[in-house]
Amino acid sequence: MFTKKWLVTTILVLAAGAVMIRLGIWQLDRLAARRVFNAGALAQQTAATLDLNAADPGLDLEQMEYRQVRATGVFVFPEEVALRNQVFEGRPAYRLITPLQLTGPGTLVLVDRGYVPADRYTPGDRETYARPAGEVTVSGILRGSETEPDIGSRGDPTPAPGEELLAWNLVNVARIGEQVNGSLLPVYVQQESSGAPGEFPVPATFIPELTEGPHLGYAIQWFAFAGILWIGYPYYFLKNRSEN
């Protein structure tokens, strides 16, 4: 029975089982990472509202994603950009990303003011929806900079020196900051309300999914497949040996 054929088959079975075990462990690692993310997001969601005007400059804002914040300042509409490839109520749309110059600190923070219909807006047309004049107070949640596109999505081109991108695929704070005049915070604010109900821009509501996902189920499946393979193969091997 210990022929070359059986040796090769045994090696393949052992290797396949090992791969399945590794895939199961990978799913458990993803589950652990998801639990850490959930705990961190929940802690930020339940924390007290952070006033960006009075925040300690030493705060690591990038570790505070999903925290409720408020910011008072003046919108810098001449440096507004748009986020392309958005969908609002089943229609193509943009989201307006506008720098807000904070009263007091003088720094700026990008504010996602929400959706506008693609057929009623052209990137660079900064007067159509530029309503709030003077000092305003914005309430929303803190969001982290987007540096890598999702699978199947496109990143943003690198502008030529002196070139200004009016429409972006990602809210890449650092790169957008290269064409903003002033010091920009490393995060942005997703505004929760703006203007009267039904007016554009309409705030882009986002609530992170705080579930554990399917990772535990997938891990159990991979471990089960490995067990079936490693237990079933010796049985098949011994059965064939007894018949021969």
Foldseek 3Di string as FASTA:
>chain_A
DPDPVVVVVVVVLVVLLVVLLVLLVVLVVLLVVLLVVLVQLVVQCPDDEAEPLPDDPPDPLQSNFFHKYKFKAFWPLQLKAWEAPDADPRAGWIWIWIWGQGPRVRAIAIEGQAIDGPVQDDQVPSPPPPPDGDMDMFIFTKAAFDDDDDVPDDADDQDDVPDQHRYGNTRHPVRSVVPDPGHYDRIHGQGQDDDDPPDPPDGDDDDDDSDSPCSNVSSVVSNVVSVCSVVVVVVVVVVVVVVD
